[in-house]
Amino acid sequence: MKILTLLEVGNLGGLVIMIILIIAGVALGIGLFIGVIAKLIYESKDGKKFSKSQFWQTVIITMIICGLISGMICGGS
């Protein structure tokens, strides 16, 4: 008898999409939090301005790093 994986059981596509959306939402939340902290630290020195593009680049880079960490944890290596 073959061992069934989660996707082979059937009708679990919604569950998989929900898990992916939860991971993306958590990564977005962490990215926004780190972006705000980076903005506060950057603007506290010498009165520099942290632009919108710098903020969103920080958020996207943080989300990519969260995705890599999540992939390492869920992927098992």
N, C-alpha and C. Protein backbone atom coordinates (compact mmCIF):
# COMPACT_ATOMS: atom_id res chain seq x y z
N MET A 1 0.84 -1.19 0.00
CA MET A 1 0.00 0.00 0.00
C MET A 1 0.88 1.25 0.00
N LYS A 2 0.55 2.20 -0.86
CA LYS A 2 1.32 3.44 -0.94
C LYS A 2 0.94 4.37 0.19
N ILE A 3 1.93 5.14 0.65
CA ILE A 3 1.67 6.17 1.64
C ILE A 3 1.14 7.39 0.90
N LEU A 4 0.00 7.91 1.33
CA LEU A 4 -0.61 9.06 0.67
C LEU A 4 -0.07 10.35 1.25
N THR A 5 0.20 11.29 0.38
CA THR A 5 0.59 12.61 0.86
C THR A 5 -0.67 13.44 1.07
N LEU A 6 -0.51 14.62 1.63
CA LEU A 6 -1.64 15.48 1.95
C LEU A 6 -2.43 15.86 0.69
N LEU A 7 -1.74 16.10 -0.41
CA LEU A 7 -2.42 16.53 -1.63
C LEU A 7 -3.11 15.38 -2.36
N GLU A 8 -2.70 14.15 -2.11
CA GLU A 8 -3.30 13.01 -2.80
C GLU A 8 -4.61 12.57 -2.17
N VAL A 9 -4.92 13.04 -0.99
CA VAL A 9 -6.16 12.65 -0.32
C VAL A 9 -7.36 13.22 -1.07
N GLY A 10 -7.21 14.41 -1.61
CA GLY A 10 -8.27 15.02 -2.40
C GLY A 10 -9.04 16.08 -1.64
N ASN A 11 -9.52 17.06 -2.37
CA ASN A 11 -10.33 18.15 -1.83
C ASN A 11 -9.63 18.92 -0.71
N LEU A 12 -8.32 18.96 -0.71
CA LEU A 12 -7.59 19.72 0.29
C LEU A 12 -6.88 20.92 -0.32
N GLY A 13 -7.25 21.27 -1.54
CA GLY A 13 -6.65 22.43 -2.20
C GLY A 13 -6.91 23.71 -1.44
N GLY A 14 -8.13 23.83 -0.90
CA GLY A 14 -8.47 25.01 -0.10
C GLY A 14 -7.62 25.12 1.14
N LEU A 15 -7.34 23.98 1.78
CA LEU A 15 -6.50 23.97 2.97
C LEU A 15 -5.08 24.42 2.65
N VAL A 16 -4.56 23.94 1.54
CA VAL A 16 -3.21 24.32 1.13
C VAL A 16 -3.14 25.81 0.82
N ILE A 17 -4.14 26.33 0.11
CA ILE A 17 -4.18 27.76 -0.20
C ILE A 17 -4.28 28.57 1.09
N MET A 18 -5.09 28.11 2.05
CA MET A 18 -5.25 28.81 3.31
C MET A 18 -3.93 28.84 4.08
N ILE A 19 -3.20 27.77 4.09
CA ILE A 19 -1.90 27.72 4.77
C ILE A 19 -0.93 28.69 4.11
N ILE A 20 -0.91 28.72 2.78
CA ILE A 20 -0.02 29.63 2.07
C ILE A 20 -0.38 31.08 2.36
N LEU A 21 -1.68 31.40 2.38
CA LEU A 21 -2.11 32.76 2.69
C LEU A 21 -1.78 33.16 4.13
N ILE A 22 -1.88 32.23 5.06
CA ILE A 22 -1.50 32.52 6.45
C ILE A 22 -0.01 32.82 6.54
N ILE A 23 0.81 32.02 5.87
CA ILE A 23 2.25 32.25 5.88
C ILE A 23 2.58 33.61 5.25
N ALA A 24 1.91 33.94 4.14
CA ALA A 24 2.15 35.23 3.48
C ALA A 24 1.69 36.39 4.37
N GLY A 25 0.57 36.23 5.06
CA GLY A 25 0.08 37.27 5.96
C GLY A 25 1.00 37.52 7.13
N VAL A 26 1.50 36.44 7.70
CA VAL A 26 2.45 36.58 8.81
C VAL A 26 3.74 37.23 8.32
N ALA A 27 4.21 36.83 7.14
CA ALA A 27 5.42 37.44 6.58
C ALA A 27 5.20 38.93 6.31
N LEU A 28 4.01 39.31 5.83
CA LEU A 28 3.70 40.72 5.59
C LEU A 28 3.68 41.50 6.91
N GLY A 29 3.08 40.91 7.93
CA GLY A 29 3.05 41.56 9.25
C GLY A 29 4.44 41.78 9.82
N ILE A 30 5.27 40.75 9.72
CA ILE A 30 6.65 40.87 10.20
C ILE A 30 7.41 41.90 9.37
N GLY A 31 7.19 41.90 8.06
CA GLY A 31 7.86 42.86 7.18
C GLY A 31 7.47 44.29 7.50
N LEU A 32 6.19 44.53 7.74
CA LEU A 32 5.74 45.88 8.10
C LEU A 32 6.33 46.31 9.43
N PHE A 33 6.37 45.40 10.40
CA PHE A 33 6.93 45.70 11.71
C PHE A 33 8.40 46.08 11.60
N ILE A 34 9.16 45.28 10.88
CA ILE A 34 10.59 45.55 10.72
C ILE A 34 10.81 46.82 9.88
N GLY A 35 9.93 47.05 8.89
CA GLY A 35 10.04 48.27 8.10
C GLY A 35 9.83 49.52 8.93
N VAL A 36 8.86 49.49 9.84
CA VAL A 36 8.62 50.63 10.73
C VAL A 36 9.80 50.86 11.67
N ILE A 37 10.34 49.77 12.20
CA ILE A 37 11.51 49.89 13.08
C ILE A 37 12.70 50.47 12.31
N ALA A 38 12.92 49.98 11.08
CA ALA A 38 14.03 50.50 10.27
C ALA A 38 13.82 51.98 9.95
N LYS A 39 12.57 52.36 9.67
CA LYS A 39 12.27 53.77 9.39
C LYS A 39 12.56 54.64 10.60
N LEU A 40 12.14 54.19 11.78
CA LEU A 40 12.38 54.96 13.00
C LEU A 40 13.87 55.11 13.29
N ILE A 41 14.63 54.05 13.10
CA ILE A 41 16.07 54.11 13.35
C ILE A 41 16.75 55.01 12.32
N TYR A 42 16.36 54.89 11.05
CA TYR A 42 16.98 55.67 9.99
C TYR A 42 16.70 57.16 10.15
N GLU A 43 15.46 57.51 10.51
CA GLU A 43 15.10 58.92 10.63
C GLU A 43 15.57 59.54 11.94
N SER A 44 15.96 58.73 12.91
CA SER A 44 16.42 59.29 14.19
C SER A 44 17.82 59.88 14.09
N LYS A 45 18.56 59.53 13.06
CA LYS A 45 19.93 60.01 12.89
C LYS A 45 19.98 61.11 11.84
N ASP A 46 20.50 62.25 12.18
CA ASP A 46 20.80 63.36 11.27
C ASP A 46 19.59 63.87 10.48
N GLY A 47 18.39 63.58 10.91
CA GLY A 47 17.19 64.10 10.25
C GLY A 47 17.00 63.62 8.82
N LYS A 48 17.48 62.43 8.50
CA LYS A 48 17.32 61.89 7.15
C LYS A 48 15.86 61.47 6.92
N LYS A 49 15.47 61.39 5.65
CA LYS A 49 14.12 60.99 5.28
C LYS A 49 14.14 59.58 4.71
N PHE A 50 13.27 58.73 5.22
CA PHE A 50 13.12 57.35 4.75
C PHE A 50 11.98 57.34 3.74
N SER A 51 12.29 57.17 2.45
CA SER A 51 11.28 57.29 1.41
C SER A 51 10.34 56.07 1.39
N LYS A 52 9.24 56.23 0.66
CA LYS A 52 8.28 55.13 0.54
C LYS A 52 8.91 53.93 -0.17
N SER A 53 9.72 54.21 -1.17
CA SER A 53 10.33 53.10 -1.90
C SER A 53 11.31 52.33 -1.02
N GLN A 54 12.04 53.06 -0.17
CA GLN A 54 12.95 52.38 0.76
C GLN A 54 12.15 51.54 1.75
N PHE A 55 11.02 52.08 2.21
CA PHE A 55 10.18 51.33 3.16
C PHE A 55 9.68 50.04 2.54
N TRP A 56 9.12 50.13 1.31
CA TRP A 56 8.56 48.93 0.68
C TRP A 56 9.66 47.96 0.26
N GLN A 57 10.84 48.45 -0.09
CA GLN A 57 11.95 47.54 -0.37
C GLN A 57 12.34 46.77 0.88
N THR A 58 12.34 47.46 2.03
CA THR A 58 12.64 46.80 3.29
C THR A 58 11.60 45.73 3.60
N VAL A 59 10.31 46.06 3.37
CA VAL A 59 9.23 45.10 3.63
C VAL A 59 9.37 43.89 2.72
N ILE A 60 9.64 44.11 1.44
CA ILE A 60 9.74 43.00 0.49
C ILE A 60 10.94 42.12 0.80
N ILE A 61 12.07 42.72 1.12
CA ILE A 61 13.26 41.93 1.47
C ILE A 61 13.01 41.10 2.72
N THR A 62 12.32 41.70 3.70
CA THR A 62 11.99 40.96 4.92
C THR A 62 11.04 39.80 4.62
N MET A 63 10.07 40.03 3.73
CA MET A 63 9.15 38.95 3.35
C MET A 63 9.88 37.82 2.62
N ILE A 64 10.85 38.18 1.78
CA ILE A 64 11.63 37.15 1.08
C ILE A 64 12.43 36.32 2.09
N ILE A 65 13.03 36.99 3.06
CA ILE A 65 13.79 36.26 4.08
C ILE A 65 12.86 35.37 4.90
N CYS A 66 11.67 35.88 5.25
CA CYS A 66 10.70 35.05 5.98
C CYS A 66 10.29 33.84 5.15
N GLY A 67 10.12 34.04 3.84
CA GLY A 67 9.77 32.93 2.96
C GLY A 67 10.87 31.89 2.88
N LEU A 68 12.11 32.34 2.85
CA LEU A 68 13.23 31.39 2.84
C LEU A 68 13.30 30.59 4.13
N ILE A 69 13.10 31.28 5.25
CA ILE A 69 13.11 30.59 6.55
C ILE A 69 11.96 29.60 6.62
N SER A 70 10.77 30.03 6.17
CA SER A 70 9.61 29.14 6.17
C SER A 70 9.85 27.93 5.27
N GLY A 71 10.46 28.16 4.13
CA GLY A 71 10.76 27.04 3.23
C GLY A 71 11.76 26.07 3.83
N MET A 72 12.72 26.60 4.57
CA MET A 72 13.69 25.70 5.23
C MET A 72 13.00 24.88 6.33
N ILE A 73 12.10 25.52 7.08
CA ILE A 73 11.41 24.80 8.16
C ILE A 73 10.44 23.79 7.60
N CYS A 74 9.60 24.21 6.65
CA CYS A 74 8.58 23.31 6.10
C CYS A 74 9.19 22.28 5.14
N GLY A 75 10.29 22.66 4.49
CA GLY A 75 10.93 21.75 3.55
C GLY A 75 11.75 20.66 4.23
N GLY A 76 12.18 20.92 5.43
CA GLY A 76 12.87 19.89 6.18
C GLY A 76 14.38 19.87 6.00
N SER A 77 14.95 20.80 5.25
CA SER A 77 16.41 20.79 5.17
C SER A 77 16.86 22.16 5.24
